């Protein structure tokens, strides 16, 4: 009996480790032909010294979604687009659609839900998001970014809630958007350490 419990626990541990491999950090790819440096809020960031993000208007294009696991690409694309638009406007940045001076484009390299199959054991799920993109003005890259986000479900462990998947995906998208806007708007003048 004791030996059987040990085997079951060993198998469960192996499954948890195997399922956790979906968000193993990989090197971030180059973005828009510029060299990214570690950001204060994003994994990688570049901004042209003469770019003032609060002084221009934007066309927020839908991000391309490449790799998903247990996530519908179109649903996540719409969710991320809504979060971007809402956050841009809430921070006083002007969204003008195709009339914007700057284009924000990006690629969701991967978005994954983890732990859904073992939720009965762990009581939780989480989301992994890897995204990169650029802001261009008149064909010139004025900012570029790359980030990785991993968030746990904000719900307490227990039986699955009807909207838990959507909630954790929205939280991952919102976290990324907050990182991006914070980096853009709090990025100090070049030459000062840490942008301060």
N, C-alpha and C. Protein backbone atom coordinates (compact mmCIF):
# COMPACT_ATOMS: atom_id res chain seq x y z
N UNK A 1 0.83 -1.20 0.00
CA UNK A 1 0.00 0.00 0.00
C UNK A 1 0.87 1.26 0.00
N UNK A 2 1.88 1.29 0.91
CA UNK A 2 2.76 2.45 0.99
C UNK A 2 3.51 2.63 -0.32
N UNK A 3 3.98 1.54 -0.90
CA UNK A 3 4.74 1.57 -2.15
C UNK A 3 3.87 2.10 -3.29
N UNK A 4 2.61 1.72 -3.34
CA UNK A 4 1.69 2.18 -4.39
C UNK A 4 1.48 3.69 -4.29
N UNK A 5 1.33 4.20 -3.08
CA UNK A 5 1.16 5.65 -2.89
C UNK A 5 2.39 6.40 -3.39
N UNK A 6 3.56 5.86 -3.12
CA UNK A 6 4.79 6.51 -3.58
C UNK A 6 4.87 6.56 -5.10
N UNK A 7 4.45 5.48 -5.74
CA UNK A 7 4.46 5.44 -7.21
C UNK A 7 3.48 6.47 -7.76
N UNK A 8 2.28 6.54 -7.21
CA UNK A 8 1.28 7.50 -7.67
C UNK A 8 1.78 8.93 -7.47
N UNK A 9 2.36 9.21 -6.31
CA UNK A 9 2.91 10.54 -6.07
C UNK A 9 4.05 10.87 -7.03
N UNK A 10 4.88 9.90 -7.33
CA UNK A 10 5.97 10.09 -8.29
C UNK A 10 5.46 10.40 -9.68
N UNK A 11 4.41 9.68 -10.10
CA UNK A 11 3.81 9.93 -11.42
C UNK A 11 3.19 11.31 -11.47
N UNK A 12 2.49 11.70 -10.42
CA UNK A 12 1.89 13.04 -10.38
C UNK A 12 2.95 14.13 -10.44
N UNK A 13 4.06 13.94 -9.72
CA UNK A 13 5.14 14.91 -9.74
C UNK A 13 5.76 15.00 -11.14
N UNK A 14 5.96 13.86 -11.78
CA UNK A 14 6.51 13.85 -13.14
C UNK A 14 5.57 14.57 -14.11
N UNK A 15 4.27 14.36 -13.98
CA UNK A 15 3.30 15.04 -14.84
C UNK A 15 3.33 16.55 -14.62
N UNK A 16 3.43 16.98 -13.38
CA UNK A 16 3.50 18.41 -13.08
C UNK A 16 4.74 19.04 -13.70
N UNK A 17 5.86 18.36 -13.59
CA UNK A 17 7.09 18.88 -14.19
C UNK A 17 6.99 18.91 -15.71
N UNK A 18 6.40 17.89 -16.30
CA UNK A 18 6.25 17.83 -17.75
C UNK A 18 5.33 18.92 -18.24
N UNK A 19 4.22 19.12 -17.55
CA UNK A 19 3.26 20.16 -17.96
C UNK A 19 3.84 21.55 -17.74
N UNK A 20 4.73 21.70 -16.79
CA UNK A 20 5.33 22.99 -16.52
C UNK A 20 6.36 23.41 -17.54
N UNK A 21 6.76 22.51 -18.42
CA UNK A 21 7.81 22.84 -19.40
C UNK A 21 7.32 23.77 -20.49
N UNK A 22 6.01 24.07 -20.57
CA UNK A 22 5.48 24.93 -21.62
C UNK A 22 5.94 26.36 -21.55
N UNK A 23 6.37 26.84 -20.40
CA UNK A 23 6.78 28.23 -20.26
C UNK A 23 8.26 28.37 -19.95
N UNK A 24 9.04 27.37 -20.33
CA UNK A 24 10.47 27.46 -20.10
C UNK A 24 11.02 28.64 -20.90
N UNK A 25 11.74 29.55 -20.26
CA UNK A 25 12.24 30.72 -20.98
C UNK A 25 13.16 30.32 -22.13
N UNK A 26 12.94 30.93 -23.26
CA UNK A 26 13.79 30.77 -24.43
C UNK A 26 14.35 32.14 -24.76
N UNK A 27 15.44 32.20 -25.52
CA UNK A 27 15.95 33.53 -25.89
C UNK A 27 14.89 34.30 -26.67
N UNK A 28 14.78 35.58 -26.39
CA UNK A 28 13.82 36.41 -27.11
C UNK A 28 14.38 36.74 -28.49
N UNK A 29 13.54 36.66 -29.52
CA UNK A 29 14.02 36.95 -30.88
C UNK A 29 14.24 38.44 -31.09
N UNK A 30 15.07 38.82 -32.08
CA UNK A 30 15.23 40.23 -32.38
C UNK A 30 13.91 40.82 -32.88
N UNK A 31 13.72 42.10 -32.67
CA UNK A 31 12.46 42.75 -33.03
C UNK A 31 12.75 43.94 -33.94
N UNK A 32 12.09 43.97 -35.07
CA UNK A 32 12.08 45.12 -35.98
C UNK A 32 13.47 45.64 -36.33
N UNK A 33 14.47 44.77 -36.34
CA UNK A 33 15.81 45.16 -36.74
C UNK A 33 16.56 46.03 -35.76
N UNK A 34 16.09 46.13 -34.52
CA UNK A 34 16.79 46.92 -33.51
C UNK A 34 17.23 46.00 -32.38
N UNK A 35 18.21 46.46 -31.63
CA UNK A 35 18.71 45.68 -30.51
C UNK A 35 17.95 46.07 -29.25
N UNK A 36 17.34 45.08 -28.63
CA UNK A 36 16.61 45.33 -27.39
C UNK A 36 17.56 45.22 -26.20
N UNK A 37 17.33 46.06 -25.23
CA UNK A 37 18.05 46.00 -23.97
C UNK A 37 17.04 45.57 -22.90
N UNK A 38 17.50 44.96 -21.81
CA UNK A 38 16.55 44.63 -20.74
C UNK A 38 15.84 45.89 -20.26
N UNK A 39 14.53 45.83 -20.18
CA UNK A 39 13.76 46.98 -19.72
C UNK A 39 13.56 46.91 -18.22
N UNK A 40 13.00 47.98 -17.68
CA UNK A 40 12.66 47.98 -16.26
C UNK A 40 11.37 47.20 -16.02
N UNK A 41 10.50 47.17 -17.03
CA UNK A 41 9.21 46.50 -16.87
C UNK A 41 9.00 45.40 -17.90
N UNK A 42 9.69 45.50 -19.04
CA UNK A 42 9.61 44.50 -20.10
C UNK A 42 10.89 43.69 -20.14
N UNK A 43 10.82 42.49 -20.72
CA UNK A 43 12.03 41.67 -20.85
C UNK A 43 13.04 42.34 -21.78
N UNK A 44 12.57 42.97 -22.86
CA UNK A 44 13.45 43.67 -23.79
C UNK A 44 12.76 44.92 -24.30
N UNK A 45 13.54 46.00 -24.50
CA UNK A 45 12.92 47.26 -24.89
C UNK A 45 13.92 48.13 -25.65
N UNK A 46 13.41 48.88 -26.60
CA UNK A 46 14.19 49.89 -27.33
C UNK A 46 13.26 51.08 -27.57
N UNK A 47 13.79 52.29 -27.41
CA UNK A 47 13.03 53.48 -27.78
C UNK A 47 14.00 54.50 -28.35
N UNK A 48 13.64 55.07 -29.50
CA UNK A 48 14.46 56.10 -30.13
C UNK A 48 14.53 57.30 -29.20
N UNK A 49 15.69 57.94 -29.11
CA UNK A 49 15.85 59.07 -28.18
C UNK A 49 14.90 60.23 -28.44
N UNK A 50 14.48 60.40 -29.69
CA UNK A 50 13.61 61.54 -30.02
C UNK A 50 12.12 61.19 -30.01
N UNK A 51 11.76 59.99 -29.58
CA UNK A 51 10.36 59.58 -29.60
C UNK A 51 9.68 59.97 -28.29
N UNK A 52 8.56 60.68 -28.40
CA UNK A 52 7.76 61.08 -27.25
C UNK A 52 6.39 60.40 -27.38
N UNK A 53 6.19 59.27 -26.72
CA UNK A 53 4.96 58.49 -26.92
C UNK A 53 3.67 59.22 -26.62
N UNK A 54 3.71 60.19 -25.72
CA UNK A 54 2.49 60.90 -25.34
C UNK A 54 2.11 61.99 -26.33
N UNK A 55 2.96 62.28 -27.31
CA UNK A 55 2.70 63.39 -28.24
C UNK A 55 2.20 62.96 -29.61
N UNK A 56 2.01 61.67 -29.82
CA UNK A 56 1.62 61.18 -31.15
C UNK A 56 0.27 60.47 -31.06
N UNK A 57 -0.31 60.19 -32.22
CA UNK A 57 -1.54 59.39 -32.28
C UNK A 57 -1.18 58.00 -32.79
N UNK A 58 -2.02 57.03 -32.47
CA UNK A 58 -1.69 55.63 -32.72
C UNK A 58 -2.74 54.90 -33.54
N UNK A 59 -2.26 53.97 -34.32
CA UNK A 59 -3.07 52.94 -34.98
C UNK A 59 -2.68 51.64 -34.30
N UNK A 60 -3.57 51.08 -33.49
CA UNK A 60 -3.29 49.84 -32.75
C UNK A 60 -3.76 48.66 -33.60
N UNK A 61 -2.85 48.05 -34.32
CA UNK A 61 -3.21 46.92 -35.17
C UNK A 61 -3.34 45.64 -34.36
N UNK A 62 -4.26 44.75 -34.73
CA UNK A 62 -4.38 43.48 -34.00
C UNK A 62 -3.08 42.68 -34.10
N UNK A 63 -2.63 42.13 -32.98
CA UNK A 63 -1.42 41.32 -32.94
C UNK A 63 -1.69 39.96 -33.60
N UNK A 64 -0.73 39.46 -34.33
CA UNK A 64 -0.81 38.11 -34.89
C UNK A 64 -0.56 37.11 -33.77
N UNK A 65 -1.36 36.05 -33.71
CA UNK A 65 -1.19 35.02 -32.68
C UNK A 65 -0.64 33.78 -33.37
N UNK A 66 0.59 33.35 -32.97
CA UNK A 66 1.26 32.24 -33.65
C UNK A 66 0.97 30.89 -33.01
N UNK A 67 1.41 30.68 -31.78
CA UNK A 67 1.32 29.36 -31.14
C UNK A 67 0.38 29.45 -29.95
N UNK A 68 -0.56 28.53 -29.88
CA UNK A 68 -1.48 28.49 -28.74
C UNK A 68 -1.59 27.08 -28.22
N UNK A 69 -1.97 26.98 -26.96
CA UNK A 69 -2.31 25.68 -26.38
C UNK A 69 -3.52 25.89 -25.47
N UNK A 70 -4.59 25.24 -25.83
CA UNK A 70 -5.86 25.33 -25.10
C UNK A 70 -6.41 26.75 -25.11
N UNK A 71 -6.07 27.52 -26.16
CA UNK A 71 -6.55 28.89 -26.30
C UNK A 71 -6.95 29.08 -27.76
N UNK A 72 -8.12 29.67 -27.98
CA UNK A 72 -8.54 29.99 -29.34
C UNK A 72 -7.82 31.26 -29.78
N UNK A 73 -7.04 31.21 -30.89
CA UNK A 73 -6.25 32.38 -31.31
C UNK A 73 -7.10 33.63 -31.55
N UNK A 74 -8.24 33.48 -32.22
CA UNK A 74 -9.08 34.65 -32.52
C UNK A 74 -9.64 35.27 -31.24
N UNK A 75 -10.02 34.44 -30.29
CA UNK A 75 -10.55 34.95 -29.02
C UNK A 75 -9.49 35.72 -28.27
N UNK A 76 -8.26 35.16 -28.21
CA UNK A 76 -7.20 35.86 -27.49
C UNK A 76 -6.80 37.15 -28.22
N UNK A 77 -6.78 37.12 -29.53
CA UNK A 77 -6.44 38.31 -30.30
C UNK A 77 -7.41 39.45 -29.98
N UNK A 78 -8.71 39.13 -29.96
CA UNK A 78 -9.72 40.15 -29.65
C UNK A 78 -9.58 40.65 -28.21
N UNK A 79 -9.29 39.74 -27.30
CA UNK A 79 -9.14 40.11 -25.89
C UNK A 79 -7.93 41.05 -25.72
N UNK A 80 -6.81 40.72 -26.35
CA UNK A 80 -5.61 41.56 -26.26
C UNK A 80 -5.85 42.93 -26.90
N UNK A 81 -6.55 42.94 -28.02
CA UNK A 81 -6.84 44.20 -28.71
C UNK A 81 -7.71 45.11 -27.82
N UNK A 82 -8.69 44.52 -27.17
CA UNK A 82 -9.55 45.30 -26.26
C UNK A 82 -8.75 45.86 -25.10
N UNK A 83 -7.86 45.06 -24.53
CA UNK A 83 -7.03 45.53 -23.42
C UNK A 83 -6.10 46.66 -23.86
N UNK A 84 -5.49 46.52 -25.05
CA UNK A 84 -4.61 47.57 -25.56
C UNK A 84 -5.37 48.88 -25.75
N UNK A 85 -6.51 48.82 -26.42
CA UNK A 85 -7.29 50.03 -26.70
C UNK A 85 -7.73 50.70 -25.41
N UNK A 86 -8.26 49.92 -24.49
CA UNK A 86 -8.75 50.48 -23.22
C UNK A 86 -7.61 51.13 -22.44
N UNK A 87 -6.47 50.45 -22.36
CA UNK A 87 -5.34 50.98 -21.59
C UNK A 87 -4.75 52.22 -22.25
N UNK A 88 -4.65 52.21 -23.58
CA UNK A 88 -4.11 53.38 -24.30
C UNK A 88 -4.96 54.61 -23.99
N UNK A 89 -6.27 54.46 -24.12
CA UNK A 89 -7.17 55.59 -23.89
C UNK A 89 -7.19 56.01 -22.42
N UNK A 90 -7.13 55.04 -21.51
CA UNK A 90 -7.15 55.35 -20.07
C UNK A 90 -5.90 56.12 -19.64
N UNK A 91 -4.82 55.98 -20.40
CA UNK A 91 -3.57 56.68 -20.07
C UNK A 91 -3.38 57.96 -20.87
N UNK A 92 -4.44 58.41 -21.54
CA UNK A 92 -4.39 59.67 -22.25
C UNK A 92 -3.70 59.64 -23.60
N UNK A 93 -3.41 58.44 -24.12
CA UNK A 93 -2.81 58.33 -25.44
C UNK A 93 -3.92 58.31 -26.48
N UNK A 94 -3.66 58.92 -27.62
CA UNK A 94 -4.70 59.09 -28.63
C UNK A 94 -4.68 57.95 -29.64
N UNK A 95 -5.82 57.27 -29.78
CA UNK A 95 -5.98 56.20 -30.76
C UNK A 95 -6.79 56.76 -31.92
N UNK A 96 -6.22 56.73 -33.11
CA UNK A 96 -6.87 57.29 -34.29
C UNK A 96 -7.11 56.27 -35.39
N UNK A 97 -6.93 55.00 -35.10
CA UNK A 97 -7.12 53.99 -36.14
C UNK A 97 -6.12 54.17 -37.25
N UNK A 98 -6.55 54.00 -38.49
CA UNK A 98 -5.62 54.09 -39.62
C UNK A 98 -5.10 55.50 -39.85
N UNK A 99 -5.66 56.50 -39.14
CA UNK A 99 -5.19 57.88 -39.27
C UNK A 99 -4.07 58.21 -38.29
N UNK A 100 -3.67 57.24 -37.46
CA UNK A 100 -2.64 57.50 -36.47
C UNK A 100 -1.27 57.73 -37.09
N UNK A 101 -0.47 58.57 -36.44
CA UNK A 101 0.89 58.84 -36.92
C UNK A 101 1.79 57.61 -36.73
N UNK A 102 1.55 56.85 -35.67
CA UNK A 102 2.39 55.69 -35.35
C UNK A 102 1.55 54.41 -35.41
N UNK A 103 2.18 53.36 -35.88
CA UNK A 103 1.52 52.04 -35.93
C UNK A 103 2.12 51.15 -34.85
N UNK A 104 1.27 50.57 -34.03
CA UNK A 104 1.70 49.56 -33.06
C UNK A 104 1.35 48.20 -33.65
N UNK A 105 2.35 47.38 -33.90
CA UNK A 105 2.13 46.02 -34.42
C UNK A 105 2.85 45.04 -33.51
N UNK A 106 2.38 43.82 -33.51
CA UNK A 106 3.02 42.83 -32.65
C UNK A 106 2.65 41.42 -33.01
N UNK A 107 3.38 40.51 -32.38
CA UNK A 107 3.17 39.08 -32.57
C UNK A 107 3.12 38.42 -31.21
N UNK A 108 2.07 37.65 -30.97
CA UNK A 108 2.01 36.81 -29.78
C UNK A 108 2.70 35.51 -30.18
N UNK A 109 3.94 35.35 -29.73
CA UNK A 109 4.72 34.17 -30.12
C UNK A 109 4.11 32.90 -29.55
N UNK A 110 3.61 33.00 -28.33
CA UNK A 110 2.88 31.87 -27.76
C UNK A 110 1.97 32.36 -26.64
N UNK A 111 0.84 31.70 -26.53
CA UNK A 111 -0.06 31.90 -25.40
C UNK A 111 -0.59 30.52 -25.04
N UNK A 112 -0.41 30.17 -23.77
CA UNK A 112 -0.76 28.81 -23.34
C UNK A 112 -1.46 28.84 -22.00
N UNK A 113 -2.42 27.97 -21.88
CA UNK A 113 -3.01 27.70 -20.57
C UNK A 113 -2.37 26.42 -20.06
N UNK A 114 -1.92 26.46 -18.82
CA UNK A 114 -1.29 25.28 -18.22
C UNK A 114 -2.09 24.83 -17.01
N UNK A 115 -2.03 23.53 -16.79
CA UNK A 115 -2.64 22.97 -15.58
C UNK A 115 -4.10 22.61 -15.71
N UNK A 116 -4.68 22.76 -16.90
CA UNK A 116 -6.11 22.48 -17.03
C UNK A 116 -6.41 20.99 -16.84
N UNK A 117 -5.51 20.13 -17.30
CA UNK A 117 -5.74 18.69 -17.18
C UNK A 117 -5.53 18.18 -15.76
N UNK A 118 -4.68 18.87 -15.02
CA UNK A 118 -4.40 18.45 -13.64
C UNK A 118 -5.06 19.37 -12.62
N UNK A 119 -6.02 20.15 -13.09
CA UNK A 119 -6.65 21.11 -12.20
C UNK A 119 -7.33 20.43 -11.01
N UNK A 120 -7.85 19.24 -11.24
CA UNK A 120 -8.50 18.51 -10.15
C UNK A 120 -7.51 18.21 -9.03
N UNK A 121 -6.22 18.17 -9.36
CA UNK A 121 -5.18 17.87 -8.38
C UNK A 121 -4.62 19.15 -7.76
N UNK A 122 -4.30 20.14 -8.62
CA UNK A 122 -3.65 21.37 -8.14
C UNK A 122 -4.64 22.43 -7.72
N UNK A 123 -5.84 22.41 -8.30
CA UNK A 123 -6.84 23.41 -7.99
C UNK A 123 -6.61 24.74 -8.68
N UNK A 124 -5.60 24.82 -9.57
CA UNK A 124 -5.27 26.09 -10.22
C UNK A 124 -4.86 25.86 -11.67
N UNK A 125 -5.01 26.92 -12.46
CA UNK A 125 -4.44 26.95 -13.80
C UNK A 125 -3.62 28.23 -13.92
N UNK A 126 -2.77 28.30 -14.94
CA UNK A 126 -2.06 29.55 -15.18
C UNK A 126 -1.89 29.75 -16.68
N UNK A 127 -1.50 30.95 -17.03
CA UNK A 127 -1.32 31.32 -18.44
C UNK A 127 0.09 31.82 -18.65
N UNK A 128 0.67 31.45 -19.80
CA UNK A 128 1.99 31.92 -20.23
C UNK A 128 1.80 32.69 -21.52
N UNK A 129 2.45 33.83 -21.62
CA UNK A 129 2.33 34.69 -22.79
C UNK A 129 3.72 35.18 -23.17
N UNK A 130 4.06 35.05 -24.45
CA UNK A 130 5.31 35.58 -24.97
C UNK A 130 4.95 36.45 -26.17
N UNK A 131 5.35 37.71 -26.13
CA UNK A 131 4.90 38.67 -27.13
C UNK A 131 6.03 39.64 -27.50
N UNK A 132 6.01 40.08 -28.74
CA UNK A 132 6.98 41.10 -29.16
C UNK A 132 6.32 41.98 -30.21
N UNK A 133 6.90 43.15 -30.44
CA UNK A 133 6.31 44.06 -31.42
C UNK A 133 7.09 45.35 -31.53
N UNK A 134 6.52 46.28 -32.28
CA UNK A 134 7.21 47.54 -32.52
C UNK A 134 6.20 48.66 -32.75
N UNK A 135 6.68 49.86 -32.55
CA UNK A 135 5.93 51.07 -32.91
C UNK A 135 6.74 51.73 -34.02
N UNK A 136 6.09 51.97 -35.15
CA UNK A 136 6.78 52.61 -36.27
C UNK A 136 6.12 53.95 -36.58
N UNK A 137 6.94 54.87 -37.06
CA UNK A 137 6.46 56.20 -37.45
C UNK A 137 7.10 56.51 -38.80
N UNK A 138 6.27 56.68 -39.82
CA UNK A 138 6.74 56.94 -41.18
C UNK A 138 7.76 55.89 -41.62
N UNK A 139 7.49 54.61 -41.29
CA UNK A 139 8.35 53.51 -41.69
C UNK A 139 9.59 53.31 -40.83
N UNK A 140 9.81 54.15 -39.84
CA UNK A 140 10.97 54.06 -38.95
C UNK A 140 10.55 53.46 -37.62
N UNK A 141 11.33 52.51 -37.11
CA UNK A 141 11.03 51.92 -35.81
C UNK A 141 11.44 52.89 -34.71
N UNK A 142 10.45 53.37 -33.96
CA UNK A 142 10.73 54.32 -32.88
C UNK A 142 10.71 53.65 -31.51
N UNK A 143 10.11 52.47 -31.44
CA UNK A 143 10.12 51.69 -30.20
C UNK A 143 9.91 50.23 -30.56
N UNK A 144 10.50 49.35 -29.78
CA UNK A 144 10.32 47.92 -29.96
C UNK A 144 10.34 47.26 -28.59
N UNK A 145 9.70 46.13 -28.49
CA UNK A 145 9.55 45.50 -27.17
C UNK A 145 9.42 43.99 -27.32
N UNK A 146 9.70 43.33 -26.22
CA UNK A 146 9.52 41.89 -26.13
C UNK A 146 9.28 41.58 -24.66
N UNK A 147 8.36 40.67 -24.38
CA UNK A 147 8.05 40.38 -22.99
C UNK A 147 7.54 38.96 -22.83
N UNK A 148 7.71 38.46 -21.61
CA UNK A 148 7.14 37.17 -21.20
C UNK A 148 6.34 37.42 -19.93
N UNK A 149 5.16 36.82 -19.90
CA UNK A 149 4.29 36.98 -18.74
C UNK A 149 3.79 35.60 -18.34
N UNK A 150 3.78 35.34 -17.05
CA UNK A 150 3.15 34.13 -16.53
C UNK A 150 2.30 34.54 -15.34
N UNK A 151 1.03 34.22 -15.38
CA UNK A 151 0.13 34.56 -14.28
C UNK A 151 -0.66 33.34 -13.85
N UNK A 152 -0.91 33.27 -12.56
CA UNK A 152 -1.76 32.22 -12.00
C UNK A 152 -3.19 32.70 -11.95
N UNK A 153 -4.09 31.77 -11.96
CA UNK A 153 -5.50 32.11 -11.83
C UNK A 153 -5.71 32.87 -10.53
N UNK A 154 -6.45 33.96 -10.57
CA UNK A 154 -6.70 34.72 -9.34
C UNK A 154 -7.73 34.05 -8.43
N UNK A 155 -8.36 32.97 -8.91
CA UNK A 155 -9.38 32.30 -8.11
C UNK A 155 -8.74 31.37 -7.09
N UNK A 156 -9.40 31.19 -5.99
CA UNK A 156 -8.92 30.25 -4.99
C UNK A 156 -9.02 28.83 -5.52
N UNK A 157 -8.11 27.96 -5.07
CA UNK A 157 -8.21 26.56 -5.51
C UNK A 157 -9.58 25.98 -5.19
N UNK A 158 -10.04 25.13 -6.04
CA UNK A 158 -11.35 24.51 -5.87
C UNK A 158 -11.87 24.08 -7.21
N UNK A 159 -13.17 23.83 -7.30
CA UNK A 159 -13.74 23.42 -8.58
C UNK A 159 -13.60 24.53 -9.62
N UNK A 160 -13.49 24.18 -10.90
CA UNK A 160 -13.32 25.21 -11.93
C UNK A 160 -14.51 26.17 -11.99
N UNK A 161 -14.21 27.44 -12.15
CA UNK A 161 -15.25 28.46 -12.33
C UNK A 161 -15.58 28.57 -13.81
N UNK A 162 -16.81 28.94 -14.16
CA UNK A 162 -17.21 28.97 -15.58
C UNK A 162 -16.34 29.87 -16.45
N UNK A 163 -15.87 31.00 -15.95
CA UNK A 163 -15.10 31.95 -16.76
C UNK A 163 -13.62 32.00 -16.35
N UNK A 164 -13.14 30.98 -15.68
CA UNK A 164 -11.76 31.02 -15.17
C UNK A 164 -10.73 31.14 -16.30
N UNK A 165 -10.90 30.42 -17.38
CA UNK A 165 -9.95 30.48 -18.49
C UNK A 165 -9.88 31.90 -19.06
N UNK A 166 -11.04 32.48 -19.31
CA UNK A 166 -11.07 33.85 -19.84
C UNK A 166 -10.44 34.83 -18.86
N UNK A 167 -10.70 34.64 -17.58
CA UNK A 167 -10.19 35.53 -16.55
C UNK A 167 -8.66 35.50 -16.49
N UNK A 168 -8.07 34.31 -16.53
CA UNK A 168 -6.62 34.21 -16.43
C UNK A 168 -5.95 34.70 -17.72
N UNK A 169 -6.59 34.48 -18.87
CA UNK A 169 -6.05 35.01 -20.13
C UNK A 169 -6.13 36.54 -20.16
N UNK A 170 -7.23 37.09 -19.68
CA UNK A 170 -7.37 38.55 -19.61
C UNK A 170 -6.33 39.14 -18.67
N UNK A 171 -6.06 38.45 -17.57
CA UNK A 171 -5.06 38.94 -16.61
C UNK A 171 -3.66 38.92 -17.25
N UNK A 172 -3.35 37.89 -18.04
CA UNK A 172 -2.05 37.83 -18.72
C UNK A 172 -1.92 38.97 -19.73
N UNK A 173 -2.98 39.20 -20.52
CA UNK A 173 -2.96 40.28 -21.51
C UNK A 173 -2.83 41.63 -20.81
N UNK A 174 -3.57 41.84 -19.76
CA UNK A 174 -3.53 43.11 -19.03
C UNK A 174 -2.15 43.35 -18.40
N UNK A 175 -1.54 42.30 -17.89
CA UNK A 175 -0.20 42.43 -17.30
C UNK A 175 0.80 42.87 -18.36
N UNK A 176 0.77 42.23 -19.53
CA UNK A 176 1.66 42.65 -20.61
C UNK A 176 1.42 44.10 -21.00
N UNK A 177 0.17 44.48 -21.20
CA UNK A 177 -0.15 45.86 -21.62
C UNK A 177 0.32 46.86 -20.57
N UNK A 178 0.16 46.53 -19.29
CA UNK A 178 0.65 47.41 -18.23
C UNK A 178 2.17 47.54 -18.28
N UNK A 179 2.86 46.42 -18.52
CA UNK A 179 4.33 46.48 -18.65
C UNK A 179 4.72 47.41 -19.80
N UNK A 180 4.05 47.24 -20.94
CA UNK A 180 4.38 48.02 -22.13
C UNK A 180 4.15 49.52 -21.90
N UNK A 181 2.98 49.87 -21.40
CA UNK A 181 2.67 51.28 -21.18
C UNK A 181 3.56 51.90 -20.11
N UNK A 182 3.83 51.17 -19.06
CA UNK A 182 4.70 51.69 -18.00
C UNK A 182 6.09 51.95 -18.55
N UNK A 183 6.61 51.01 -19.35
CA UNK A 183 7.93 51.20 -19.95
C UNK A 183 7.94 52.40 -20.89
N UNK A 184 6.91 52.52 -21.73
CA UNK A 184 6.84 53.64 -22.67
C UNK A 184 6.74 54.98 -21.98
N UNK A 185 5.85 55.07 -21.01
CA UNK A 185 5.55 56.37 -20.41
C UNK A 185 6.51 56.79 -19.31
N UNK A 186 7.21 55.83 -18.71
CA UNK A 186 8.15 56.17 -17.64
C UNK A 186 9.60 56.06 -18.09
N UNK A 187 9.82 55.83 -19.37
CA UNK A 187 11.18 55.71 -19.90
C UNK A 187 11.81 57.09 -19.90
N UNK A 188 12.89 57.24 -19.13
CA UNK A 188 13.53 58.56 -19.00
C UNK A 188 14.43 58.89 -20.17
N UNK A 189 15.03 60.06 -20.12
CA UNK A 189 15.92 60.48 -21.19
C UNK A 189 17.10 59.53 -21.31
N UNK A 190 17.60 59.31 -22.55
CA UNK A 190 18.74 58.42 -22.71
C UNK A 190 19.97 58.99 -21.99
N UNK A 191 20.83 58.10 -21.56
CA UNK A 191 22.05 58.52 -20.89
C UNK A 191 21.94 58.53 -19.38
N UNK A 192 20.71 58.49 -18.87
CA UNK A 192 20.53 58.42 -17.42
C UNK A 192 20.37 56.96 -17.03
N UNK A 193 21.07 56.51 -16.04
CA UNK A 193 21.01 55.11 -15.63
C UNK A 193 19.61 54.76 -15.20
N UNK A 194 19.10 53.66 -15.76
CA UNK A 194 17.77 53.20 -15.40
C UNK A 194 16.68 54.11 -15.86
N UNK A 195 16.98 55.13 -16.67
CA UNK A 195 15.94 56.02 -17.17
C UNK A 195 15.40 56.96 -16.12
N UNK A 196 16.11 57.14 -15.02
CA UNK A 196 15.60 58.00 -13.96
C UNK A 196 16.39 59.27 -13.89
